[in-house]
Amino acid sequence: MMEMSREMEKAGLIEEMIGDAMEDAMGGEELEDAANDEVDKVLEELAVGMFEGVKGEEDIKSLPQKPAAAAAVEEETQEEAEELDAMKSRLQAL
């Protein structure tokens, strides 16, 4: 039992060391923060570009209400909810 405990402890330490090494090699949080900043800048530029020519309420109404990706995500969420309801009804039948 003690041998198994030692082996599990070694495995945990090895896993932690590998995780730390990978984080250091990949740039860690600094790289992730820099990437997030760049994404924010690009999104801001796109938003400014979309609304540059907008003058009034008519122009705003002519913009697409939902991007295609958002509609797809909404549809997928609805399908998952339907599947969950079906599973619940099957479970209650048992």
N, C-alpha and C. Protein backbone atom coordinates (compact mmCIF):
# COMPACT_ATOMS: atom_id res chain seq x y z
N MET A 1 0.83 -1.19 0.00
CA MET A 1 0.00 0.00 0.00
C MET A 1 0.87 1.25 0.00
N MET A 2 1.93 1.23 0.80
CA MET A 2 2.83 2.39 0.88
C MET A 2 3.56 2.58 -0.44
N GLU A 3 3.88 1.45 -1.10
CA GLU A 3 4.57 1.55 -2.39
C GLU A 3 3.67 2.23 -3.42
N MET A 4 2.41 1.87 -3.40
CA MET A 4 1.46 2.48 -4.32
C MET A 4 1.33 3.97 -4.03
N SER A 5 1.32 4.32 -2.77
CA SER A 5 1.23 5.72 -2.37
C SER A 5 2.44 6.50 -2.88
N ARG A 6 3.62 5.91 -2.75
CA ARG A 6 4.84 6.57 -3.24
C ARG A 6 4.80 6.74 -4.75
N GLU A 7 4.35 5.70 -5.46
CA GLU A 7 4.28 5.78 -6.91
C GLU A 7 3.30 6.86 -7.35
N MET A 8 2.17 6.96 -6.66
CA MET A 8 1.19 7.99 -7.00
C MET A 8 1.75 9.38 -6.73
N GLU A 9 2.49 9.51 -5.65
CA GLU A 9 3.11 10.80 -5.33
C GLU A 9 4.14 11.16 -6.40
N LYS A 10 4.94 10.18 -6.83
CA LYS A 10 5.92 10.43 -7.89
C LYS A 10 5.22 10.85 -9.18
N ALA A 11 4.14 10.15 -9.50
CA ALA A 11 3.41 10.47 -10.73
C ALA A 11 2.86 11.89 -10.65
N GLY A 12 2.36 12.28 -9.49
CA GLY A 12 1.84 13.63 -9.32
C GLY A 12 2.93 14.67 -9.49
N LEU A 13 4.10 14.40 -8.93
CA LEU A 13 5.21 15.34 -9.05
C LEU A 13 5.68 15.44 -10.49
N ILE A 14 5.75 14.30 -11.16
CA ILE A 14 6.18 14.30 -12.55
C ILE A 14 5.18 15.08 -13.40
N GLU A 15 3.90 14.86 -13.17
CA GLU A 15 2.87 15.57 -13.92
C GLU A 15 2.98 17.07 -13.69
N GLU A 16 3.21 17.47 -12.46
CA GLU A 16 3.34 18.89 -12.14
C GLU A 16 4.57 19.48 -12.82
N MET A 17 5.69 18.75 -12.82
CA MET A 17 6.91 19.24 -13.45
C MET A 17 6.72 19.39 -14.95
N ILE A 18 6.04 18.43 -15.57
CA ILE A 18 5.79 18.50 -17.01
C ILE A 18 4.89 19.69 -17.32
N GLY A 19 3.87 19.89 -16.50
CA GLY A 19 2.97 21.02 -16.70
C GLY A 19 3.70 22.34 -16.60
N ASP A 20 4.59 22.47 -15.61
CA ASP A 20 5.37 23.70 -15.45
C ASP A 20 6.29 23.91 -16.64
N ALA A 21 6.93 22.84 -17.11
CA ALA A 21 7.84 22.95 -18.25
C ALA A 21 7.08 23.36 -19.51
N MET A 22 5.91 22.78 -19.72
CA MET A 22 5.12 23.13 -20.89
C MET A 22 4.67 24.58 -20.84
N GLU A 23 4.28 25.03 -19.66
CA GLU A 23 3.84 26.42 -19.51
C GLU A 23 4.99 27.37 -19.80
N ASP A 24 6.18 27.04 -19.32
CA ASP A 24 7.34 27.88 -19.59
C ASP A 24 7.69 27.88 -21.07
N ALA A 25 7.60 26.71 -21.70
CA ALA A 25 7.95 26.60 -23.11
C ALA A 25 6.94 27.33 -24.00
N MET A 26 5.69 27.33 -23.60
CA MET A 26 4.64 27.95 -24.41
C MET A 26 4.50 29.45 -24.14
N GLY A 27 5.20 29.97 -23.18
CA GLY A 27 5.14 31.40 -22.93
C GLY A 27 4.30 31.76 -21.73
N GLY A 28 3.59 30.82 -21.20
CA GLY A 28 2.82 31.04 -19.98
C GLY A 28 1.71 32.05 -20.14
N GLU A 29 1.38 32.69 -19.05
CA GLU A 29 0.26 33.63 -19.03
C GLU A 29 0.57 34.91 -19.79
N GLU A 30 1.84 35.29 -19.85
CA GLU A 30 2.21 36.52 -20.54
C GLU A 30 1.82 36.45 -22.02
N LEU A 31 2.12 35.33 -22.64
CA LEU A 31 1.79 35.15 -24.05
C LEU A 31 0.28 35.13 -24.24
N GLU A 32 -0.43 34.47 -23.33
CA GLU A 32 -1.88 34.42 -23.41
C GLU A 32 -2.49 35.81 -23.26
N ASP A 33 -1.96 36.60 -22.33
CA ASP A 33 -2.45 37.97 -22.14
C ASP A 33 -2.20 38.82 -23.38
N ALA A 34 -1.02 38.66 -23.98
CA ALA A 34 -0.70 39.42 -25.18
C ALA A 34 -1.63 39.03 -26.33
N ALA A 35 -1.91 37.73 -26.45
CA ALA A 35 -2.82 37.27 -27.50
C ALA A 35 -4.22 37.83 -27.27
N ASN A 36 -4.68 37.83 -26.04
CA ASN A 36 -6.01 38.37 -25.73
C ASN A 36 -6.09 39.86 -26.05
N ASP A 37 -5.01 40.59 -25.76
CA ASP A 37 -4.98 42.02 -26.09
C ASP A 37 -5.09 42.24 -27.60
N GLU A 38 -4.38 41.43 -28.38
CA GLU A 38 -4.43 41.56 -29.83
C GLU A 38 -5.83 41.25 -30.35
N VAL A 39 -6.45 40.23 -29.80
CA VAL A 39 -7.82 39.87 -30.22
C VAL A 39 -8.77 41.03 -29.92
N ASP A 40 -8.63 41.62 -28.75
CA ASP A 40 -9.47 42.77 -28.39
C ASP A 40 -9.29 43.93 -29.36
N LYS A 41 -8.02 44.19 -29.75
CA LYS A 41 -7.75 45.27 -30.69
C LYS A 41 -8.43 45.01 -32.04
N VAL A 42 -8.31 43.78 -32.52
CA VAL A 42 -8.90 43.44 -33.82
C VAL A 42 -10.42 43.56 -33.75
N LEU A 43 -11.02 43.07 -32.68
CA LEU A 43 -12.47 43.17 -32.54
C LEU A 43 -12.92 44.62 -32.48
N GLU A 44 -12.16 45.45 -31.81
CA GLU A 44 -12.49 46.87 -31.71
C GLU A 44 -12.41 47.52 -33.09
N GLU A 45 -11.36 47.19 -33.86
CA GLU A 45 -11.23 47.74 -35.21
C GLU A 45 -12.40 47.31 -36.10
N LEU A 46 -12.80 46.04 -35.96
CA LEU A 46 -13.93 45.56 -36.76
C LEU A 46 -15.22 46.27 -36.37
N ALA A 47 -15.42 46.48 -35.09
CA ALA A 47 -16.64 47.16 -34.63
C ALA A 47 -16.67 48.59 -35.13
N VAL A 48 -15.54 49.26 -35.07
CA VAL A 48 -15.47 50.65 -35.55
C VAL A 48 -15.75 50.68 -37.05
N GLY A 49 -15.20 49.73 -37.78
CA GLY A 49 -15.42 49.66 -39.23
C GLY A 49 -16.87 49.40 -39.58
N MET A 50 -17.54 48.59 -38.79
CA MET A 50 -18.94 48.27 -39.07
C MET A 50 -19.84 49.49 -38.88
N PHE A 51 -19.55 50.30 -37.88
CA PHE A 51 -20.43 51.41 -37.54
C PHE A 51 -19.95 52.75 -38.08
N GLU A 52 -18.91 52.74 -38.91
CA GLU A 52 -18.35 53.97 -39.44
C GLU A 52 -19.35 54.74 -40.29
N GLY A 53 -20.09 54.04 -41.16
CA GLY A 53 -21.00 54.72 -42.06
C GLY A 53 -22.42 54.84 -41.52
N VAL A 54 -22.67 54.38 -40.32
CA VAL A 54 -24.02 54.39 -39.76
C VAL A 54 -24.38 55.81 -39.37
N LYS A 55 -25.54 56.27 -39.88
CA LYS A 55 -25.96 57.64 -39.62
C LYS A 55 -27.19 57.72 -38.74
N GLY A 56 -28.09 56.82 -38.94
CA GLY A 56 -29.34 56.93 -38.20
C GLY A 56 -29.92 55.58 -37.87
N GLU A 57 -31.14 55.63 -37.39
CA GLU A 57 -31.83 54.42 -36.96
C GLU A 57 -32.07 53.46 -38.12
N GLU A 58 -32.32 53.99 -39.32
CA GLU A 58 -32.57 53.13 -40.47
C GLU A 58 -31.34 52.29 -40.80
N ASP A 59 -30.15 52.93 -40.71
CA ASP A 59 -28.91 52.21 -40.98
C ASP A 59 -28.69 51.11 -39.96
N ILE A 60 -29.01 51.37 -38.71
CA ILE A 60 -28.81 50.38 -37.65
C ILE A 60 -29.75 49.20 -37.88
N LYS A 61 -30.98 49.47 -38.29
CA LYS A 61 -31.94 48.39 -38.53
C LYS A 61 -31.54 47.55 -39.72
N SER A 62 -30.79 48.12 -40.65
CA SER A 62 -30.39 47.37 -41.83
C SER A 62 -29.23 46.43 -41.55
N LEU A 63 -28.55 46.59 -40.40
CA LEU A 63 -27.46 45.70 -40.04
C LEU A 63 -28.03 44.33 -39.69
N PRO A 64 -27.27 43.26 -39.95
CA PRO A 64 -27.75 41.93 -39.60
C PRO A 64 -27.97 41.83 -38.09
N GLN A 65 -29.10 41.25 -37.70
CA GLN A 65 -29.44 41.17 -36.29
C GLN A 65 -28.62 40.12 -35.55
N LYS A 66 -28.41 38.96 -36.19
CA LYS A 66 -27.64 37.88 -35.57
C LYS A 66 -26.62 37.39 -36.56
N PRO A 67 -25.38 37.31 -36.15
CA PRO A 67 -24.39 36.70 -37.04
C PRO A 67 -24.73 35.21 -37.24
N ALA A 68 -24.28 34.65 -38.32
CA ALA A 68 -24.57 33.25 -38.62
C ALA A 68 -24.02 32.33 -37.54
N ALA A 69 -22.86 32.65 -36.99
CA ALA A 69 -22.27 31.82 -35.95
C ALA A 69 -23.14 31.81 -34.70
N ALA A 70 -23.68 32.96 -34.34
CA ALA A 70 -24.53 33.04 -33.16
C ALA A 70 -25.81 32.25 -33.37
N ALA A 71 -26.35 32.30 -34.57
CA ALA A 71 -27.56 31.54 -34.87
C ALA A 71 -27.28 30.04 -34.79
N ALA A 72 -26.12 29.62 -35.28
CA ALA A 72 -25.75 28.21 -35.23
C ALA A 72 -25.59 27.75 -33.78
N VAL A 73 -24.97 28.57 -32.96
CA VAL A 73 -24.78 28.23 -31.55
C VAL A 73 -26.14 28.14 -30.86
N GLU A 74 -27.03 29.06 -31.17
CA GLU A 74 -28.36 29.05 -30.57
C GLU A 74 -29.12 27.79 -30.97
N GLU A 75 -29.01 27.41 -32.24
CA GLU A 75 -29.68 26.20 -32.73
C GLU A 75 -29.12 24.96 -32.04
N GLU A 76 -27.80 24.92 -31.90
CA GLU A 76 -27.15 23.79 -31.24
C GLU A 76 -27.59 23.70 -29.78
N THR A 77 -27.70 24.84 -29.11
CA THR A 77 -28.13 24.86 -27.72
C THR A 77 -29.56 24.36 -27.61
N GLN A 78 -30.41 24.74 -28.54
CA GLN A 78 -31.79 24.29 -28.53
C GLN A 78 -31.86 22.78 -28.75
N GLU A 79 -31.04 22.25 -29.66
CA GLU A 79 -31.01 20.81 -29.90
C GLU A 79 -30.56 20.06 -28.66
N GLU A 80 -29.56 20.59 -27.97
CA GLU A 80 -29.08 19.96 -26.74
C GLU A 80 -30.16 19.96 -25.68
N ALA A 81 -30.93 21.04 -25.59
CA ALA A 81 -32.02 21.12 -24.61
C ALA A 81 -33.09 20.08 -24.94
N GLU A 82 -33.39 19.91 -26.22
CA GLU A 82 -34.38 18.91 -26.63
C GLU A 82 -33.91 17.51 -26.30
N GLU A 83 -32.61 17.23 -26.54
CA GLU A 83 -32.05 15.93 -26.21
C GLU A 83 -32.12 15.68 -24.71
N LEU A 84 -31.83 16.70 -23.93
CA LEU A 84 -31.88 16.58 -22.48
C LEU A 84 -33.29 16.29 -22.01
N ASP A 85 -34.27 16.96 -22.59
CA ASP A 85 -35.67 16.71 -22.25
C ASP A 85 -36.07 15.27 -22.59
N ALA A 86 -35.61 14.80 -23.75
CA ALA A 86 -35.91 13.43 -24.16
C ALA A 86 -35.30 12.43 -23.18
N MET A 87 -34.06 12.69 -22.75
CA MET A 87 -33.39 11.79 -21.80
C MET A 87 -34.13 11.79 -20.45
N LYS A 88 -34.59 12.98 -20.03
CA LYS A 88 -35.33 13.06 -18.77
C LYS A 88 -36.62 12.26 -18.84
N SER A 89 -37.32 12.34 -19.95
CA SER A 89 -38.58 11.61 -20.08
C SER A 89 -38.32 10.11 -20.10
N ARG A 90 -37.23 9.67 -20.75
CA ARG A 90 -36.88 8.25 -20.74
C ARG A 90 -36.53 7.78 -19.34
N LEU A 91 -35.82 8.62 -18.60
CA LEU A 91 -35.43 8.27 -17.24
C LEU A 91 -36.66 8.16 -16.35
N GLN A 92 -37.60 9.06 -16.51
CA GLN A 92 -38.81 8.99 -15.71
C GLN A 92 -39.64 7.75 -16.07
N ALA A 93 -39.58 7.33 -17.32
CA ALA A 93 -40.30 6.13 -17.73
C ALA A 93 -39.75 4.88 -17.05
N LEU A 94 -38.46 4.90 -16.76
CA LEU A 94 -37.84 3.74 -16.08
C LEU A 94 -38.27 3.73 -14.66
